[in-house]
Amino acid sequence: MPGSTRAMAALTVGGLVLVTAYSVTIGSDGWLWFAWVVLGVATIGAMAARGN
């Protein structure tokens, strides 16, 4: 996995941790989950484009 794709994957996992922590402590926010899903789809697309 090239560096940029690896960084994007790390950002996606880190985002999941942050959104989950936010949802547990403050309450669920649909826009945060939507943004995370968009980031996840973009990460999967980048990985597929690079042939990983």
PDB file of N, CA and C in Angstrom:
ATOM      1  N   MET A   1       0.855  -1.180   0.000  1.00  0.00           N
ATOM      2  CA  MET A   1       0.000   0.000   0.000  1.00  0.00           C
ATOM      3  C   MET A   1       0.894   1.234   0.000  1.00  0.00           C
ATOM      4  N   PRO A   2       0.787   2.073  -1.023  1.00  0.00           N
ATOM      5  CA  PRO A   2       1.598   3.288  -1.082  1.00  0.00           C
ATOM      6  C   PRO A   2       1.324   4.224   0.097  1.00  0.00           C
ATOM      7  N   GLY A   3       2.217   5.169   0.304  1.00  0.00           N
ATOM      8  CA  GLY A   3       2.130   6.057   1.457  1.00  0.00           C
ATOM      9  C   GLY A   3       0.849   6.857   1.545  1.00  0.00           C
ATOM     10  N   SER A   4       0.392   7.404   0.417  1.00  0.00           N
ATOM     11  CA  SER A   4      -0.810   8.238   0.469  1.00  0.00           C
ATOM     12  C   SER A   4      -2.057   7.410   0.779  1.00  0.00           C
ATOM     13  N   THR A   5      -2.125   6.199   0.224  1.00  0.00           N
ATOM     14  CA  THR A   5      -3.273   5.333   0.517  1.00  0.00           C
ATOM     15  C   THR A   5      -3.227   4.855   1.954  1.00  0.00           C
ATOM     16  N   ARG A   6      -2.028   4.571   2.438  1.00  0.00           N
ATOM     17  CA  ARG A   6      -1.866   4.151   3.834  1.00  0.00           C
ATOM     18  C   ARG A   6      -2.294   5.269   4.783  1.00  0.00           C
ATOM     19  N   ALA A   7      -1.927   6.502   4.461  1.00  0.00           N
ATOM     20  CA  ALA A   7      -2.309   7.637   5.300  1.00  0.00           C
ATOM     21  C   ALA A   7      -3.825   7.838   5.276  1.00  0.00           C
ATOM     22  N   MET A   8      -4.424   7.655   4.110  1.00  0.00           N
ATOM     23  CA  MET A   8      -5.879   7.801   3.998  1.00  0.00           C
ATOM     24  C   MET A   8      -6.585   6.717   4.810  1.00  0.00           C
ATOM     25  N   ALA A   9      -6.069   5.494   4.772  1.00  0.00           N
ATOM     26  CA  ALA A   9      -6.654   4.407   5.551  1.00  0.00           C
ATOM     27  C   ALA A   9      -6.518   4.688   7.050  1.00  0.00           C
ATOM     28  N   ALA A  10      -5.367   5.208   7.454  1.00  0.00           N
ATOM     29  CA  ALA A  10      -5.161   5.550   8.866  1.00  0.00           C
ATOM     30  C   ALA A  10      -6.114   6.666   9.292  1.00  0.00           C
ATOM     31  N   LEU A  11      -6.315   7.641   8.417  1.00  0.00           N
ATOM     32  CA  LEU A  11      -7.255   8.728   8.713  1.00  0.00           C
ATOM     33  C   LEU A  11      -8.682   8.200   8.838  1.00  0.00           C
ATOM     34  N   THR A  12      -9.035   7.239   7.998  1.00  0.00           N
ATOM     35  CA  THR A  12     -10.374   6.656   8.054  1.00  0.00           C
ATOM     36  C   THR A  12     -10.589   5.904   9.365  1.00  0.00           C
ATOM     37  N   VAL A  13      -9.608   5.116   9.776  1.00  0.00           N
ATOM     38  CA  VAL A  13      -9.723   4.374  11.034  1.00  0.00           C
ATOM     39  C   VAL A  13      -9.741   5.338  12.218  1.00  0.00           C
ATOM     40  N   GLY A  14      -8.871   6.346  12.180  1.00  0.00           N
ATOM     41  CA  GLY A  14      -8.867   7.348  13.239  1.00  0.00           C
ATOM     42  C   GLY A  14     -10.184   8.116  13.309  1.00  0.00           C
ATOM     43  N   GLY A  15     -10.748   8.412  12.145  1.00  0.00           N
ATOM     44  CA  GLY A  15     -12.048   9.076  12.103  1.00  0.00           C
ATOM     45  C   GLY A  15     -13.141   8.223  12.711  1.00  0.00           C
ATOM     46  N   LEU A  16     -13.087   6.913  12.444  1.00  0.00           N
ATOM     47  CA  LEU A  16     -14.073   6.008  13.045  1.00  0.00           C
ATOM     48  C   LEU A  16     -13.976   6.028  14.566  1.00  0.00           C
ATOM     49  N   VAL A  17     -12.765   6.020  15.081  1.00  0.00           N
ATOM     50  CA  VAL A  17     -12.574   6.064  16.535  1.00  0.00           C
ATOM     51  C   VAL A  17     -13.124   7.366  17.105  1.00  0.00           C
ATOM     52  N   LEU A  18     -12.836   8.474  16.442  1.00  0.00           N
ATOM     53  CA  LEU A  18     -13.314   9.769  16.944  1.00  0.00           C
ATOM     54  C   LEU A  18     -14.833   9.893  16.871  1.00  0.00           C
ATOM     55  N   VAL A  19     -15.417   9.462  15.765  1.00  0.00           N
ATOM     56  CA  VAL A  19     -16.874   9.549  15.627  1.00  0.00           C
ATOM     57  C   VAL A  19     -17.560   8.648  16.643  1.00  0.00           C
ATOM     58  N   THR A  20     -16.997   7.463  16.873  1.00  0.00           N
ATOM     59  CA  THR A  20     -17.566   6.555  17.874  1.00  0.00           C
ATOM     60  C   THR A  20     -17.459   7.153  19.270  1.00  0.00           C
ATOM     61  N   ALA A  21     -16.306   7.719  19.606  1.00  0.00           N
ATOM     62  CA  ALA A  21     -16.136   8.345  20.922  1.00  0.00           C
ATOM     63  C   ALA A  21     -17.092   9.518  21.095  1.00  0.00           C
ATOM     64  N   TYR A  22     -17.255  10.318  20.060  1.00  0.00           N
ATOM     65  CA  TYR A  22     -18.185  11.442  20.110  1.00  0.00           C
ATOM     66  C   TYR A  22     -19.610  10.947  20.340  1.00  0.00           C
ATOM     67  N   SER A  23     -19.984   9.901  19.613  1.00  0.00           N
ATOM     68  CA  SER A  23     -21.346   9.367  19.739  1.00  0.00           C
ATOM     69  C   SER A  23     -21.606   8.799  21.127  1.00  0.00           C
ATOM     70  N   VAL A  24     -20.592   8.180  21.726  1.00  0.00           N
ATOM     71  CA  VAL A  24     -20.756   7.597  23.058  1.00  0.00           C
ATOM     72  C   VAL A  24     -20.867   8.690  24.111  1.00  0.00           C
ATOM     73  N   THR A  25     -20.034   9.722  24.015  1.00  0.00           N
ATOM     74  CA  THR A  25     -20.001  10.743  25.062  1.00  0.00           C
ATOM     75  C   THR A  25     -21.083  11.812  24.906  1.00  0.00           C
ATOM     76  N   ILE A  26     -21.296  12.299  23.702  1.00  0.00           N
ATOM     77  CA  ILE A  26     -22.203  13.430  23.516  1.00  0.00           C
ATOM     78  C   ILE A  26     -23.537  13.005  22.927  1.00  0.00           C
ATOM     79  N   GLY A  27     -23.504  12.045  22.042  1.00  0.00           N
ATOM     80  CA  GLY A  27     -24.718  11.599  21.370  1.00  0.00           C
ATOM     81  C   GLY A  27     -24.471  11.491  19.881  1.00  0.00           C
ATOM     82  N   SER A  28     -25.247  10.674  19.246  1.00  0.00           N
ATOM     83  CA  SER A  28     -25.044  10.408  17.826  1.00  0.00           C
ATOM     84  C   SER A  28     -25.375  11.625  16.981  1.00  0.00           C
ATOM     85  N   ASP A  29     -24.572  11.839  15.966  1.00  0.00           N
ATOM     86  CA  ASP A  29     -24.799  12.905  15.004  1.00  0.00           C
ATOM     87  C   ASP A  29     -24.747  12.279  13.616  1.00  0.00           C
ATOM     88  N   GLY A  30     -25.858  12.284  12.919  1.00  0.00           N
ATOM     89  CA  GLY A  30     -25.944  11.640  11.621  1.00  0.00           C
ATOM     90  C   GLY A  30     -24.972  12.194  10.590  1.00  0.00           C
ATOM     91  N   TRP A  31     -24.694  13.498  10.661  1.00  0.00           N
ATOM     92  CA  TRP A  31     -23.772  14.097   9.699  1.00  0.00           C
ATOM     93  C   TRP A  31     -22.354  13.596   9.884  1.00  0.00           C
ATOM     94  N   LEU A  32     -21.953  13.359  11.126  1.00  0.00           N
ATOM     95  CA  LEU A  32     -20.610  12.807  11.355  1.00  0.00           C
ATOM     96  C   LEU A  32     -20.492  11.412  10.770  1.00  0.00           C
ATOM     97  N   TRP A  33     -21.517  10.589  10.981  1.00  0.00           N
ATOM     98  CA  TRP A  33     -21.496   9.236  10.425  1.00  0.00           C
ATOM     99  C   TRP A  33     -21.528   9.280   8.910  1.00  0.00           C
ATOM    100  N   PHE A  34     -22.311  10.197   8.342  1.00  0.00           N
ATOM    101  CA  PHE A  34     -22.358  10.344   6.894  1.00  0.00           C
ATOM    102  C   PHE A  34     -20.980  10.726   6.346  1.00  0.00           C
ATOM    103  N   ALA A  35     -20.324  11.672   7.001  1.00  0.00           N
ATOM    104  CA  ALA A  35     -18.986  12.098   6.564  1.00  0.00           C
ATOM    105  C   ALA A  35     -18.002  10.941   6.657  1.00  0.00           C
ATOM    106  N   TRP A  36     -18.106  10.129   7.720  1.00  0.00           N
ATOM    107  CA  TRP A  36     -17.200   8.992   7.854  1.00  0.00           C
ATOM    108  C   TRP A  36     -17.448   7.971   6.745  1.00  0.00           C
ATOM    109  N   VAL A  37     -18.698   7.729   6.409  1.00  0.00           N
ATOM    110  CA  VAL A  37     -19.020   6.787   5.331  1.00  0.00           C
ATOM    111  C   VAL A  37     -18.453   7.295   4.005  1.00  0.00           C
ATOM    112  N   VAL A  38     -18.583   8.586   3.741  1.00  0.00           N
ATOM    113  CA  VAL A  38     -18.024   9.160   2.514  1.00  0.00           C
ATOM    114  C   VAL A  38     -16.508   8.989   2.495  1.00  0.00           C
ATOM    115  N   LEU A  39     -15.846   9.245   3.609  1.00  0.00           N
ATOM    116  CA  LEU A  39     -14.405   9.047   3.706  1.00  0.00           C
ATOM    117  C   LEU A  39     -14.032   7.583   3.499  1.00  0.00           C
ATOM    118  N   GLY A  40     -14.808   6.686   4.083  1.00  0.00           N
ATOM    119  CA  GLY A  40     -14.548   5.261   3.905  1.00  0.00           C
ATOM    120  C   GLY A  40     -14.696   4.814   2.469  1.00  0.00           C
ATOM    121  N   VAL A  41     -15.729   5.297   1.785  1.00  0.00           N
ATOM    122  CA  VAL A  41     -15.929   4.947   0.374  1.00  0.00           C
ATOM    123  C   VAL A  41     -14.795   5.511  -0.482  1.00  0.00           C
ATOM    124  N   ALA A  42     -14.358   6.726  -0.174  1.00  0.00           N
ATOM    125  CA  ALA A  42     -13.234   7.318  -0.907  1.00  0.00           C
ATOM    126  C   ALA A  42     -11.956   6.513  -0.680  1.00  0.00           C
ATOM    127  N   THR A  43     -11.742   6.044   0.539  1.00  0.00           N
ATOM    128  CA  THR A  43     -10.565   5.230   0.837  1.00  0.00           C
ATOM    129  C   THR A  43     -10.612   3.914   0.077  1.00  0.00           C
ATOM    130  N   ILE A  44     -11.762   3.263   0.073  1.00  0.00           N
ATOM    131  CA  ILE A  44     -11.908   2.009  -0.667  1.00  0.00           C
ATOM    132  C   ILE A  44     -11.685   2.248  -2.157  1.00  0.00           C
ATOM    133  N   GLY A  45     -12.203   3.351  -2.655  1.00  0.00           N
ATOM    134  CA  GLY A  45     -11.991   3.688  -4.061  1.00  0.00           C
ATOM    135  C   GLY A  45     -10.527   3.916  -4.388  1.00  0.00           C
ATOM    136  N   ALA A  46      -9.803   4.593  -3.512  1.00  0.00           N
ATOM    137  CA  ALA A  46      -8.373   4.839  -3.725  1.00  0.00           C
ATOM    138  C   ALA A  46      -7.605   3.519  -3.698  1.00  0.00           C
ATOM    139  N   MET A  47      -7.976   2.640  -2.795  1.00  0.00           N
ATOM    140  CA  MET A  47      -7.297   1.345  -2.713  1.00  0.00           C
ATOM    141  C   MET A  47      -7.581   0.510  -3.966  1.00  0.00           C
ATOM    142  N   ALA A  48      -8.809   0.558  -4.442  1.00  0.00           N
ATOM    143  CA  ALA A  48      -9.171  -0.202  -5.642  1.00  0.00           C
ATOM    144  C   ALA A  48      -8.458   0.367  -6.873  1.00  0.00           C
ATOM    145  N   ALA A  49      -8.330   1.682  -6.936  1.00  0.00           N
ATOM    146  CA  ALA A  49      -7.678   2.311  -8.069  1.00  0.00           C
ATOM    147  C   ALA A  49      -6.194   1.963  -8.137  1.00  0.00           C
ATOM    148  N   ARG A  50      -5.592   1.763  -6.979  1.00  0.00           N
ATOM    149  CA  ARG A  50      -4.176   1.406  -6.932  1.00  0.00           C
ATOM    150  C   ARG A  50      -3.942  -0.089  -7.030  1.00  0.00           C
ATOM    151  N   GLY A  51      -5.037  -0.848  -7.038  1.00  0.00           N
ATOM    152  CA  GLY A  51      -4.915  -2.294  -7.204  1.00  0.00           C
ATOM    153  C   GLY A  51      -4.539  -3.045  -5.943  1.00  0.00           C
ATOM    154  N   ASN A  52      -4.908  -2.491  -4.774  1.00  0.00           N
ATOM    155  CA  ASN A  52      -4.586  -3.179  -3.512  1.00  0.00           C
ATOM    156  C   ASN A  52      -5.653  -4.148  -3.196  1.00  0.00           C
TER     157      ASN A  52
END
